[in-house]
């Protein structure tokens, strides 16, 4: 599966295959390798073509 999401540093994401990891914040995305710091498992380096990431929108207008 190709997952060509634009993931600039600071983007909040969820790994749909491992939701127990919690919310993650993208640290970097270079050559298809995305480094994400997850709240429950810490820093992970993932292959962007193999992982299913969902971006999380934080609505500041609550």
PDB file of N, CA and C in Angstrom:
ATOM      1  N   UNK A   1       0.848  -1.193   0.000  1.00  0.00           N
ATOM      2  CA  UNK A   1       0.000   0.000   0.000  1.00  0.00           C
ATOM      3  C   UNK A   1       0.883   1.242   0.000  1.00  0.00           C
ATOM      4  N   UNK A   2       0.637   2.123  -0.917  1.00  0.00           N
ATOM      5  CA  UNK A   2       1.369   3.389  -0.959  1.00  0.00           C
ATOM      6  C   UNK A   2       0.677   4.382  -0.042  1.00  0.00           C
ATOM      7  N   UNK A   3       1.447   4.980   0.833  1.00  0.00           N
ATOM      8  CA  UNK A   3       0.902   5.919   1.810  1.00  0.00           C
ATOM      9  C   UNK A   3       1.703   7.207   1.682  1.00  0.00           C
ATOM     10  N   UNK A   4       1.373   8.006   0.697  1.00  0.00           N
ATOM     11  CA  UNK A   4       2.152   9.208   0.420  1.00  0.00           C
ATOM     12  C   UNK A   4       1.580  10.427   1.117  1.00  0.00           C
ATOM     13  N   UNK A   5       1.294  10.274   2.392  1.00  0.00           N
ATOM     14  CA  UNK A   5       0.811  11.413   3.162  1.00  0.00           C
ATOM     15  C   UNK A   5       1.928  12.432   3.316  1.00  0.00           C
ATOM     16  N   UNK A   6       1.567  13.686   3.289  1.00  0.00           N
ATOM     17  CA  UNK A   6       2.530  14.737   3.588  1.00  0.00           C
ATOM     18  C   UNK A   6       2.615  14.830   5.103  1.00  0.00           C
ATOM     19  N   UNK A   7       3.762  14.440   5.664  1.00  0.00           N
ATOM     20  CA  UNK A   7       3.901  14.378   7.117  1.00  0.00           C
ATOM     21  C   UNK A   7       5.024  15.282   7.607  1.00  0.00           C
ATOM     22  N   UNK A   8       4.758  16.587   7.671  1.00  0.00           N
ATOM     23  CA  UNK A   8       5.783  17.479   8.210  1.00  0.00           C
ATOM     24  C   UNK A   8       5.954  17.259   9.707  1.00  0.00           C
ATOM     25  N   UNK A   9       7.134  17.572  10.246  1.00  0.00           N
ATOM     26  CA  UNK A   9       7.344  17.439  11.690  1.00  0.00           C
ATOM     27  C   UNK A   9       6.257  18.165  12.478  1.00  0.00           C
ATOM     28  N   UNK A  10       5.803  17.516  13.534  1.00  0.00           N
ATOM     29  CA  UNK A  10       4.761  18.096  14.373  1.00  0.00           C
ATOM     30  C   UNK A  10       3.377  17.554  14.078  1.00  0.00           C
ATOM     31  N   UNK A  11       3.209  16.890  12.919  1.00  0.00           N
ATOM     32  CA  UNK A  11       1.912  16.308  12.567  1.00  0.00           C
ATOM     33  C   UNK A  11       1.540  15.231  13.580  1.00  0.00           C
ATOM     34  N   UNK A  12       0.307  15.243  14.025  1.00  0.00           N
ATOM     35  CA  UNK A  12      -0.186  14.224  14.952  1.00  0.00           C
ATOM     36  C   UNK A  12      -0.833  13.108  14.157  1.00  0.00           C
ATOM     37  N   UNK A  13      -0.484  11.864  14.499  1.00  0.00           N
ATOM     38  CA  UNK A  13      -0.967  10.707  13.749  1.00  0.00           C
ATOM     39  C   UNK A  13      -1.374   9.580  14.693  1.00  0.00           C
ATOM     40  N   UNK A  14      -2.091   8.628  14.117  1.00  0.00           N
ATOM     41  CA  UNK A  14      -2.438   7.384  14.799  1.00  0.00           C
ATOM     42  C   UNK A  14      -2.062   6.253  13.853  1.00  0.00           C
ATOM     43  N   UNK A  15      -1.452   5.188  14.390  1.00  0.00           N
ATOM     44  CA  UNK A  15      -1.136   4.003  13.593  1.00  0.00           C
ATOM     45  C   UNK A  15      -2.370   3.097  13.641  1.00  0.00           C
ATOM     46  N   UNK A  16      -3.070   2.980  12.508  1.00  0.00           N
ATOM     47  CA  UNK A  16      -4.319   2.219  12.490  1.00  0.00           C
ATOM     48  C   UNK A  16      -4.103   0.734  12.759  1.00  0.00           C
ATOM     49  N   UNK A  17      -2.903   0.216  12.467  1.00  0.00           N
ATOM     50  CA  UNK A  17      -2.616  -1.198  12.725  1.00  0.00           C
ATOM     51  C   UNK A  17      -2.259  -1.448  14.191  1.00  0.00           C
ATOM     52  N   UNK A  18      -1.872  -0.407  14.916  1.00  0.00           N
ATOM     53  CA  UNK A  18      -1.500  -0.538  16.335  1.00  0.00           C
ATOM     54  C   UNK A  18      -2.066   0.629  17.137  1.00  0.00           C
ATOM     55  N   UNK A  19      -3.391   0.701  17.267  1.00  0.00           N
ATOM     56  CA  UNK A  19      -3.986   1.838  17.972  1.00  0.00           C
ATOM     57  C   UNK A  19      -3.578   1.930  19.443  1.00  0.00           C
ATOM     58  N   UNK A  20      -3.132   0.798  20.026  1.00  0.00           N
ATOM     59  CA  UNK A  20      -2.703   0.819  21.429  1.00  0.00           C
ATOM     60  C   UNK A  20      -1.438   1.658  21.636  1.00  0.00           C
ATOM     61  N   UNK A  21      -0.742   1.996  20.538  1.00  0.00           N
ATOM     62  CA  UNK A  21       0.448   2.856  20.645  1.00  0.00           C
ATOM     63  C   UNK A  21       0.066   4.272  21.057  1.00  0.00           C
ATOM     64  N   UNK A  22      -1.187   4.636  20.848  1.00  0.00           N
ATOM     65  CA  UNK A  22      -1.650   5.976  21.184  1.00  0.00           C
ATOM     66  C   UNK A  22      -1.325   6.977  20.095  1.00  0.00           C
ATOM     67  N   UNK A  23      -1.543   8.233  20.412  1.00  0.00           N
ATOM     68  CA  UNK A  23      -1.273   9.312  19.468  1.00  0.00           C
ATOM     69  C   UNK A  23       0.240   9.490  19.319  1.00  0.00           C
ATOM     70  N   UNK A  24       0.656   9.801  18.110  1.00  0.00           N
ATOM     71  CA  UNK A  24       2.070  10.023  17.858  1.00  0.00           C
ATOM     72  C   UNK A  24       2.314  11.361  17.199  1.00  0.00           C
ATOM     73  N   UNK A  25       3.516  11.887  17.396  1.00  0.00           N
ATOM     74  CA  UNK A  25       3.906  13.136  16.748  1.00  0.00           C
ATOM     75  C   UNK A  25       5.075  12.859  15.825  1.00  0.00           C
ATOM     76  N   UNK A  26       4.919  13.239  14.554  1.00  0.00           N
ATOM     77  CA  UNK A  26       5.961  13.028  13.559  1.00  0.00           C
ATOM     78  C   UNK A  26       7.191  13.864  13.911  1.00  0.00           C
ATOM     79  N   UNK A  27       8.353  13.191  13.914  1.00  0.00           N
ATOM     80  CA  UNK A  27       9.621  13.871  14.147  1.00  0.00           C
ATOM     81  C   UNK A  27      10.291  14.206  12.821  1.00  0.00           C
ATOM     82  N   UNK A  28      10.245  13.243  11.862  1.00  0.00           N
ATOM     83  CA  UNK A  28      10.826  13.457  10.536  1.00  0.00           C
ATOM     84  C   UNK A  28      10.226  12.464   9.559  1.00  0.00           C
ATOM     85  N   UNK A  29      10.347  12.781   8.274  1.00  0.00           N
ATOM     86  CA  UNK A  29       9.873  11.889   7.217  1.00  0.00           C
ATOM     87  C   UNK A  29      10.848  12.040   6.053  1.00  0.00           C
ATOM     88  N   UNK A  30      11.766  11.071   5.932  1.00  0.00           N
ATOM     89  CA  UNK A  30      12.842  11.158   4.943  1.00  0.00           C
ATOM     90  C   UNK A  30      12.909   9.859   4.157  1.00  0.00           C
ATOM     91  N   UNK A  31      12.843   9.955   2.838  1.00  0.00           N
ATOM     92  CA  UNK A  31      12.966   8.791   1.948  1.00  0.00           C
ATOM     93  C   UNK A  31      12.053   7.638   2.338  1.00  0.00           C
ATOM     94  N   UNK A  32      10.809   7.943   2.675  1.00  0.00           N
ATOM     95  CA  UNK A  32       9.845   6.900   2.993  1.00  0.00           C
ATOM     96  C   UNK A  32       9.927   6.349   4.404  1.00  0.00           C
ATOM     97  N   UNK A  33      10.884   6.836   5.192  1.00  0.00           N
ATOM     98  CA  UNK A  33      11.002   6.416   6.596  1.00  0.00           C
ATOM     99  C   UNK A  33      10.477   7.553   7.462  1.00  0.00           C
ATOM    100  N   UNK A  34       9.476   7.232   8.258  1.00  0.00           N
ATOM    101  CA  UNK A  34       8.882   8.254   9.117  1.00  0.00           C
ATOM    102  C   UNK A  34       9.192   7.918  10.575  1.00  0.00           C
ATOM    103  N   UNK A  35       9.741   8.883  11.280  1.00  0.00           N
ATOM    104  CA  UNK A  35      10.053   8.728  12.700  1.00  0.00           C
ATOM    105  C   UNK A  35       8.953   9.422  13.490  1.00  0.00           C
ATOM    106  N   UNK A  36       8.334   8.646  14.375  1.00  0.00           N
ATOM    107  CA  UNK A  36       7.198   9.148  15.142  1.00  0.00           C
ATOM    108  C   UNK A  36       7.409   8.827  16.613  1.00  0.00           C
ATOM    109  N   UNK A  37       7.117   9.796  17.465  1.00  0.00           N
ATOM    110  CA  UNK A  37       7.192   9.590  18.911  1.00  0.00           C
ATOM    111  C   UNK A  37       5.768   9.341  19.408  1.00  0.00           C
ATOM    112  N   UNK A  38       5.480   8.074  19.775  1.00  0.00           N
ATOM    113  CA  UNK A  38       4.144   7.692  20.234  1.00  0.00           C
ATOM    114  C   UNK A  38       4.051   7.803  21.753  1.00  0.00           C
ATOM    115  N   UNK A  39       2.866   8.171  22.239  1.00  0.00           N
ATOM    116  CA  UNK A  39       2.692   8.405  23.675  1.00  0.00           C
ATOM    117  C   UNK A  39       2.845   7.150  24.518  1.00  0.00           C
ATOM    118  N   UNK A  40       2.538   5.960  23.983  1.00  0.00           N
ATOM    119  CA  UNK A  40       2.586   4.742  24.788  1.00  0.00           C
ATOM    120  C   UNK A  40       3.793   3.848  24.536  1.00  0.00           C
ATOM    121  N   UNK A  41       4.485   4.018  23.405  1.00  0.00           N
ATOM    122  CA  UNK A  41       5.611   3.126  23.077  1.00  0.00           C
ATOM    123  C   UNK A  41       6.884   3.869  22.700  1.00  0.00           C
ATOM    124  N   UNK A  42       6.850   5.190  22.749  1.00  0.00           N
ATOM    125  CA  UNK A  42       8.046   5.966  22.450  1.00  0.00           C
ATOM    126  C   UNK A  42       8.306   6.105  20.954  1.00  0.00           C
ATOM    127  N   UNK A  43       9.569   6.312  20.618  1.00  0.00           N
ATOM    128  CA  UNK A  43       9.951   6.618  19.247  1.00  0.00           C
ATOM    129  C   UNK A  43      10.023   5.363  18.387  1.00  0.00           C
ATOM    130  N   UNK A  44       9.406   5.435  17.206  1.00  0.00           N
ATOM    131  CA  UNK A  44       9.413   4.342  16.241  1.00  0.00           C
ATOM    132  C   UNK A  44       9.797   4.900  14.870  1.00  0.00           C
ATOM    133  N   UNK A  45      10.593   4.124  14.130  1.00  0.00           N
ATOM    134  CA  UNK A  45      10.903   4.458  12.738  1.00  0.00           C
ATOM    135  C   UNK A  45      10.145   3.466  11.869  1.00  0.00           C
ATOM    136  N   UNK A  46       9.249   3.966  11.035  1.00  0.00           N
ATOM    137  CA  UNK A  46       8.352   3.117  10.266  1.00  0.00           C
ATOM    138  C   UNK A  46       8.526   3.360   8.769  1.00  0.00           C
ATOM    139  N   UNK A  47       8.302   2.308   7.978  1.00  0.00           N
ATOM    140  CA  UNK A  47       8.309   2.434   6.526  1.00  0.00           C
ATOM    141  C   UNK A  47       6.947   2.992   6.124  1.00  0.00           C
ATOM    142  N   UNK A  48       6.948   4.172   5.524  1.00  0.00           N
ATOM    143  CA  UNK A  48       5.694   4.850   5.210  1.00  0.00           C
ATOM    144  C   UNK A  48       4.839   4.050   4.228  1.00  0.00           C
ATOM    145  N   UNK A  49       5.446   3.181   3.432  1.00  0.00           N
ATOM    146  CA  UNK A  49       4.685   2.386   2.465  1.00  0.00           C
ATOM    147  C   UNK A  49       4.019   1.165   3.090  1.00  0.00           C
ATOM    148  N   UNK A  50       4.405   0.805   4.317  1.00  0.00           N
ATOM    149  CA  UNK A  50       3.858  -0.390   4.954  1.00  0.00           C
ATOM    150  C   UNK A  50       2.911  -0.092   6.113  1.00  0.00           C
ATOM    151  N   UNK A  51       2.959   1.119   6.606  1.00  0.00           N
ATOM    152  CA  UNK A  51       2.165   1.482   7.781  1.00  0.00           C
ATOM    153  C   UNK A  51       0.897   2.223   7.344  1.00  0.00           C
ATOM    154  N   UNK A  52      -0.166   2.083   8.139  1.00  0.00           N
ATOM    155  CA  UNK A  52      -1.402   2.820   7.872  1.00  0.00           C
ATOM    156  C   UNK A  52      -1.541   3.908   8.926  1.00  0.00           C
ATOM    157  N   UNK A  53      -1.215   5.136   8.526  1.00  0.00           N
ATOM    158  CA  UNK A  53      -1.286   6.258   9.443  1.00  0.00           C
ATOM    159  C   UNK A  53      -2.500   7.124   9.139  1.00  0.00           C
ATOM    160  N   UNK A  54      -3.113   7.604  10.188  1.00  0.00           N
ATOM    161  CA  UNK A  54      -4.237   8.532  10.059  1.00  0.00           C
ATOM    162  C   UNK A  54      -3.827   9.815  10.751  1.00  0.00           C
ATOM    163  N   UNK A  55      -3.924  10.939  10.061  1.00  0.00           N
ATOM    164  CA  UNK A  55      -3.592  12.203  10.701  1.00  0.00           C
ATOM    165  C   UNK A  55      -4.715  12.604  11.649  1.00  0.00           C
ATOM    166  N   UNK A  56      -4.339  13.231  12.736  1.00  0.00           N
ATOM    167  CA  UNK A  56      -5.288  13.663  13.757  1.00  0.00           C
ATOM    168  C   UNK A  56      -5.348  15.188  13.711  1.00  0.00           C
ATOM    169  N   UNK A  57      -6.537  15.681  13.497  1.00  0.00           N
ATOM    170  CA  UNK A  57      -6.734  17.137  13.474  1.00  0.00           C
ATOM    171  C   UNK A  57      -7.157  17.593  14.862  1.00  0.00           C
ATOM    172  N   UNK A  58      -6.416  18.531  15.413  1.00  0.00           N
ATOM    173  CA  UNK A  58      -6.784  19.110  16.714  1.00  0.00           C
ATOM    174  C   UNK A  58      -7.523  20.413  16.423  1.00  0.00           C
ATOM    175  N   UNK A  59      -8.766  20.462  16.853  1.00  0.00           N
ATOM    176  CA  UNK A  59      -9.574  21.647  16.603  1.00  0.00           C
ATOM    177  C   UNK A  59      -9.386  22.637  17.743  1.00  0.00           C
ATOM    178  N   UNK A  60      -8.751  23.766  17.429  1.00  0.00           N
ATOM    179  CA  UNK A  60      -8.477  24.792  18.453  1.00  0.00           C
ATOM    180  C   UNK A  60      -9.715  25.623  18.750  1.00  0.00           C
ATOM    181  N   UNK A  61     -10.746  25.523  17.930  1.00  0.00           N
ATOM    182  CA  UNK A  61     -11.958  26.342  18.101  1.00  0.00           C
ATOM    183  C   UNK A  61     -13.034  25.560  18.843  1.00  0.00           C
ATOM    184  N   UNK A  62     -12.748  25.179  20.072  1.00  0.00           N
ATOM    185  CA  UNK A  62     -13.746  24.404  20.833  1.00  0.00           C
ATOM    186  C   UNK A  62     -14.615  25.307  21.645  1.00  0.00           C
TER     187      UNK A  62
END
